[in-house]
Amino acid sequence: MKKRPIPILLISFTLFFLSPLWVIGQISYMKQIMITDFSFLLSRINWHAWVLLIASPVIAVGIYKVRKWGYYSLIIFSAFTLFNNIILSFEKS
């Protein structure tokens, strides 16, 4: 089995694989919702955030396996993250 470089492991695992847990924790903290009220917490997430949450572990696998589709999906994910931030900035104004 190939040994993966440490940066690949860190990027794929901490940045993308654990990202959905971090986002749910942030929403819980910012909206003052108890983390135990999980169904209500998940209902507060909009559709574009759901797409990012679901795509994040898939991208983690692509980066970990160092596949060409992993890097293309990372570029698409970054563009969609930018799209998500633009939507959220207009919703606040």
N, C-alpha and C. Protein backbone atom coordinates (compact mmCIF):
# COMPACT_ATOMS: atom_id res chain seq x y z
N MET A 1 0.84 -1.18 0.00
CA MET A 1 0.00 0.00 0.00
C MET A 1 0.88 1.24 0.00
N LYS A 2 0.49 2.23 -0.81
CA LYS A 2 1.24 3.47 -0.88
C LYS A 2 1.07 4.27 0.39
N LYS A 3 2.16 4.88 0.82
CA LYS A 3 2.08 5.77 1.96
C LYS A 3 1.79 7.18 1.45
N ARG A 4 0.74 7.78 1.98
CA ARG A 4 0.33 9.12 1.56
C ARG A 4 1.14 10.18 2.30
N PRO A 5 1.47 11.28 1.61
CA PRO A 5 2.16 12.37 2.29
C PRO A 5 1.26 13.00 3.36
N ILE A 6 1.88 13.54 4.39
CA ILE A 6 1.15 14.14 5.51
C ILE A 6 0.22 15.27 5.05
N PRO A 7 0.64 16.19 4.15
CA PRO A 7 -0.30 17.24 3.73
C PRO A 7 -1.56 16.70 3.06
N ILE A 8 -1.43 15.63 2.28
CA ILE A 8 -2.61 15.02 1.64
C ILE A 8 -3.53 14.47 2.71
N LEU A 9 -2.99 13.81 3.72
CA LEU A 9 -3.81 13.27 4.80
C LEU A 9 -4.51 14.38 5.58
N LEU A 10 -3.77 15.43 5.88
CA LEU A 10 -4.36 16.53 6.65
C LEU A 10 -5.45 17.25 5.86
N ILE A 11 -5.18 17.53 4.60
CA ILE A 11 -6.17 18.24 3.79
C ILE A 11 -7.41 17.40 3.60
N SER A 12 -7.23 16.15 3.25
CA SER A 12 -8.41 15.33 2.96
C SER A 12 -9.21 15.02 4.22
N PHE A 13 -8.54 14.71 5.31
CA PHE A 13 -9.28 14.31 6.51
C PHE A 13 -9.83 15.50 7.29
N THR A 14 -8.95 16.42 7.67
CA THR A 14 -9.42 17.49 8.55
C THR A 14 -10.20 18.56 7.82
N LEU A 15 -9.77 18.92 6.62
CA LEU A 15 -10.42 20.03 5.93
C LEU A 15 -11.71 19.62 5.25
N PHE A 16 -11.76 18.42 4.69
CA PHE A 16 -12.95 18.04 3.93
C PHE A 16 -13.78 16.96 4.60
N PHE A 17 -13.17 15.95 5.19
CA PHE A 17 -13.96 14.87 5.76
C PHE A 17 -14.68 15.30 7.04
N LEU A 18 -14.03 16.11 7.87
CA LEU A 18 -14.65 16.57 9.11
C LEU A 18 -15.41 17.88 8.94
N SER A 19 -15.39 18.43 7.76
CA SER A 19 -16.05 19.71 7.50
C SER A 19 -17.55 19.72 7.82
N PRO A 20 -18.33 18.69 7.46
CA PRO A 20 -19.75 18.73 7.80
C PRO A 20 -20.00 18.82 9.31
N LEU A 21 -19.20 18.15 10.10
CA LEU A 21 -19.37 18.25 11.57
C LEU A 21 -19.06 19.65 12.05
N TRP A 22 -18.04 20.27 11.48
CA TRP A 22 -17.67 21.64 11.86
C TRP A 22 -18.79 22.62 11.49
N VAL A 23 -19.38 22.46 10.32
CA VAL A 23 -20.44 23.35 9.88
C VAL A 23 -21.67 23.21 10.77
N ILE A 24 -22.03 21.99 11.10
CA ILE A 24 -23.19 21.76 11.99
C ILE A 24 -22.92 22.36 13.36
N GLY A 25 -21.70 22.23 13.85
CA GLY A 25 -21.34 22.86 15.13
C GLY A 25 -21.41 24.37 15.07
N GLN A 26 -20.97 24.95 13.96
CA GLN A 26 -21.05 26.41 13.80
C GLN A 26 -22.50 26.89 13.77
N ILE A 27 -23.35 26.17 13.04
CA ILE A 27 -24.76 26.56 12.98
C ILE A 27 -25.39 26.46 14.36
N SER A 28 -25.05 25.41 15.08
CA SER A 28 -25.58 25.24 16.43
C SER A 28 -25.15 26.39 17.33
N TYR A 29 -23.92 26.80 17.23
CA TYR A 29 -23.41 27.88 18.07
C TYR A 29 -23.99 29.24 17.67
N MET A 30 -24.00 29.52 16.37
CA MET A 30 -24.45 30.83 15.90
C MET A 30 -25.95 31.05 16.09
N LYS A 31 -26.74 30.00 15.92
CA LYS A 31 -28.19 30.12 16.05
C LYS A 31 -28.68 29.80 17.47
N GLN A 32 -27.75 29.49 18.36
CA GLN A 32 -28.08 29.16 19.76
C GLN A 32 -29.05 27.99 19.85
N ILE A 33 -28.75 26.94 19.09
CA ILE A 33 -29.56 25.72 19.08
C ILE A 33 -28.74 24.63 19.75
N MET A 34 -29.36 23.90 20.66
CA MET A 34 -28.65 22.80 21.31
C MET A 34 -28.31 21.73 20.28
N ILE A 35 -27.13 21.17 20.38
CA ILE A 35 -26.67 20.16 19.43
C ILE A 35 -27.50 18.88 19.56
N THR A 36 -28.15 18.69 20.71
CA THR A 36 -28.99 17.50 20.90
C THR A 36 -30.30 17.60 20.12
N ASP A 37 -30.73 18.82 19.78
CA ASP A 37 -31.93 19.01 18.96
C ASP A 37 -31.53 18.93 17.49
N PHE A 38 -31.09 17.74 17.10
CA PHE A 38 -30.44 17.53 15.81
C PHE A 38 -31.40 17.73 14.63
N SER A 39 -32.64 17.27 14.74
CA SER A 39 -33.58 17.40 13.61
C SER A 39 -33.92 18.86 13.34
N PHE A 40 -34.10 19.65 14.40
CA PHE A 40 -34.36 21.07 14.21
C PHE A 40 -33.14 21.77 13.65
N LEU A 41 -31.98 21.35 14.10
CA LEU A 41 -30.73 21.94 13.62
C LEU A 41 -30.54 21.68 12.13
N LEU A 42 -30.84 20.47 11.68
CA LEU A 42 -30.69 20.14 10.27
C LEU A 42 -31.73 20.83 9.40
N SER A 43 -32.89 21.15 9.98
CA SER A 43 -33.92 21.85 9.20
C SER A 43 -33.54 23.31 8.96
N ARG A 44 -32.60 23.85 9.70
CA ARG A 44 -32.17 25.24 9.53
C ARG A 44 -31.15 25.43 8.41
N ILE A 45 -30.70 24.34 7.80
CA ILE A 45 -29.68 24.41 6.75
C ILE A 45 -30.36 24.56 5.40
N ASN A 46 -29.93 25.53 4.59
CA ASN A 46 -30.53 25.75 3.28
C ASN A 46 -29.97 24.76 2.25
N TRP A 47 -30.55 24.77 1.05
CA TRP A 47 -30.23 23.73 0.06
C TRP A 47 -28.79 23.80 -0.42
N HIS A 48 -28.24 24.99 -0.58
CA HIS A 48 -26.87 25.07 -1.09
C HIS A 48 -25.86 24.65 -0.03
N ALA A 49 -26.19 24.81 1.23
CA ALA A 49 -25.31 24.31 2.29
C ALA A 49 -25.38 22.78 2.35
N TRP A 50 -26.55 22.21 2.06
CA TRP A 50 -26.67 20.75 2.02
C TRP A 50 -25.78 20.17 0.91
N VAL A 51 -25.75 20.83 -0.22
CA VAL A 51 -24.91 20.35 -1.32
C VAL A 51 -23.44 20.34 -0.90
N LEU A 52 -23.02 21.40 -0.21
CA LEU A 52 -21.64 21.47 0.26
C LEU A 52 -21.35 20.41 1.31
N LEU A 53 -22.31 20.16 2.20
CA LEU A 53 -22.10 19.15 3.24
C LEU A 53 -21.99 17.75 2.66
N ILE A 54 -22.79 17.46 1.66
CA ILE A 54 -22.77 16.12 1.06
C ILE A 54 -21.54 15.94 0.18
N ALA A 55 -21.14 16.99 -0.53
CA ALA A 55 -20.00 16.88 -1.45
C ALA A 55 -18.66 16.83 -0.73
N SER A 56 -18.59 17.36 0.46
CA SER A 56 -17.31 17.46 1.16
C SER A 56 -16.63 16.11 1.41
N PRO A 57 -17.31 15.08 1.93
CA PRO A 57 -16.62 13.79 2.10
C PRO A 57 -16.23 13.13 0.78
N VAL A 58 -17.01 13.37 -0.27
CA VAL A 58 -16.67 12.81 -1.59
C VAL A 58 -15.36 13.42 -2.08
N ILE A 59 -15.21 14.70 -1.89
CA ILE A 59 -13.98 15.38 -2.28
C ILE A 59 -12.80 14.90 -1.43
N ALA A 60 -13.07 14.63 -0.16
CA ALA A 60 -12.01 14.11 0.72
C ALA A 60 -11.48 12.78 0.19
N VAL A 61 -12.36 11.92 -0.28
CA VAL A 61 -11.92 10.64 -0.84
C VAL A 61 -11.12 10.86 -2.12
N GLY A 62 -11.58 11.79 -2.96
CA GLY A 62 -10.85 12.08 -4.21
C GLY A 62 -9.46 12.62 -3.96
N ILE A 63 -9.33 13.47 -2.95
CA ILE A 63 -8.01 14.02 -2.63
C ILE A 63 -7.13 12.94 -2.00
N TYR A 64 -7.71 12.14 -1.13
CA TYR A 64 -6.94 11.09 -0.46
C TYR A 64 -6.40 10.06 -1.45
N LYS A 65 -7.23 9.69 -2.41
CA LYS A 65 -6.79 8.71 -3.40
C LYS A 65 -5.93 9.32 -4.50
N VAL A 66 -5.78 10.64 -4.50
CA VAL A 66 -4.99 11.39 -5.48
C VAL A 66 -5.42 10.98 -6.90
N ARG A 67 -6.68 11.21 -7.16
CA ARG A 67 -7.25 10.94 -8.48
C ARG A 67 -7.51 12.24 -9.22
N LYS A 68 -7.55 12.14 -10.53
CA LYS A 68 -7.77 13.33 -11.35
C LYS A 68 -9.15 13.92 -11.08
N TRP A 69 -10.16 13.06 -10.92
CA TRP A 69 -11.51 13.55 -10.66
C TRP A 69 -11.59 14.25 -9.31
N GLY A 70 -10.72 13.90 -8.39
CA GLY A 70 -10.70 14.55 -7.08
C GLY A 70 -10.32 16.02 -7.18
N TYR A 71 -9.37 16.31 -8.04
CA TYR A 71 -8.95 17.70 -8.20
C TYR A 71 -9.97 18.52 -8.98
N TYR A 72 -10.59 17.90 -9.98
CA TYR A 72 -11.66 18.61 -10.69
C TYR A 72 -12.85 18.87 -9.78
N SER A 73 -13.19 17.89 -8.97
CA SER A 73 -14.31 18.11 -8.04
C SER A 73 -13.94 19.15 -6.99
N LEU A 74 -12.68 19.24 -6.62
CA LEU A 74 -12.25 20.27 -5.68
C LEU A 74 -12.42 21.67 -6.28
N ILE A 75 -12.12 21.82 -7.57
CA ILE A 75 -12.30 23.11 -8.23
C ILE A 75 -13.78 23.47 -8.30
N ILE A 76 -14.62 22.50 -8.64
CA ILE A 76 -16.07 22.75 -8.69
C ILE A 76 -16.60 23.07 -7.30
N PHE A 77 -16.11 22.35 -6.30
CA PHE A 77 -16.52 22.59 -4.91
C PHE A 77 -16.13 24.01 -4.47
N SER A 78 -14.94 24.44 -4.85
CA SER A 78 -14.50 25.80 -4.50
C SER A 78 -15.38 26.85 -5.16
N ALA A 79 -15.74 26.62 -6.42
CA ALA A 79 -16.62 27.57 -7.11
C ALA A 79 -18.01 27.59 -6.46
N PHE A 80 -18.51 26.42 -6.08
CA PHE A 80 -19.82 26.37 -5.42
C PHE A 80 -19.76 27.00 -4.03
N THR A 81 -18.65 26.88 -3.35
CA THR A 81 -18.49 27.55 -2.05
C THR A 81 -18.53 29.06 -2.23
N LEU A 82 -17.89 29.55 -3.27
CA LEU A 82 -17.96 30.98 -3.58
C LEU A 82 -19.40 31.39 -3.88
N PHE A 83 -20.10 30.59 -4.65
CA PHE A 83 -21.52 30.83 -4.96
C PHE A 83 -22.35 30.86 -3.67
N ASN A 84 -22.10 29.93 -2.77
CA ASN A 84 -22.81 29.88 -1.49
C ASN A 84 -22.56 31.14 -0.68
N ASN A 85 -21.32 31.59 -0.63
CA ASN A 85 -21.01 32.81 0.13
C ASN A 85 -21.65 34.05 -0.48
N ILE A 86 -21.73 34.11 -1.79
CA ILE A 86 -22.40 35.23 -2.44
C ILE A 86 -23.88 35.24 -2.11
N ILE A 87 -24.51 34.07 -2.17
CA ILE A 87 -25.93 33.97 -1.81
C ILE A 87 -26.16 34.42 -0.37
N LEU A 88 -25.32 33.94 0.53
CA LEU A 88 -25.49 34.29 1.94
C LEU A 88 -25.25 35.76 2.19
N SER A 89 -24.34 36.38 1.46
CA SER A 89 -24.10 37.80 1.66
C SER A 89 -25.27 38.65 1.18
N PHE A 90 -25.94 38.21 0.10
CA PHE A 90 -27.12 38.94 -0.37
C PHE A 90 -28.33 38.70 0.52
N GLU A 91 -28.41 37.53 1.15
CA GLU A 91 -29.52 37.25 2.05
C GLU A 91 -29.44 38.13 3.31
N LYS A 92 -28.25 38.47 3.72
CA LYS A 92 -28.08 39.29 4.93
C LYS A 92 -28.37 40.76 4.67
N SER A 93 -28.23 41.22 3.41
CA SER A 93 -28.46 42.64 3.16
C SER A 93 -29.90 42.97 2.87
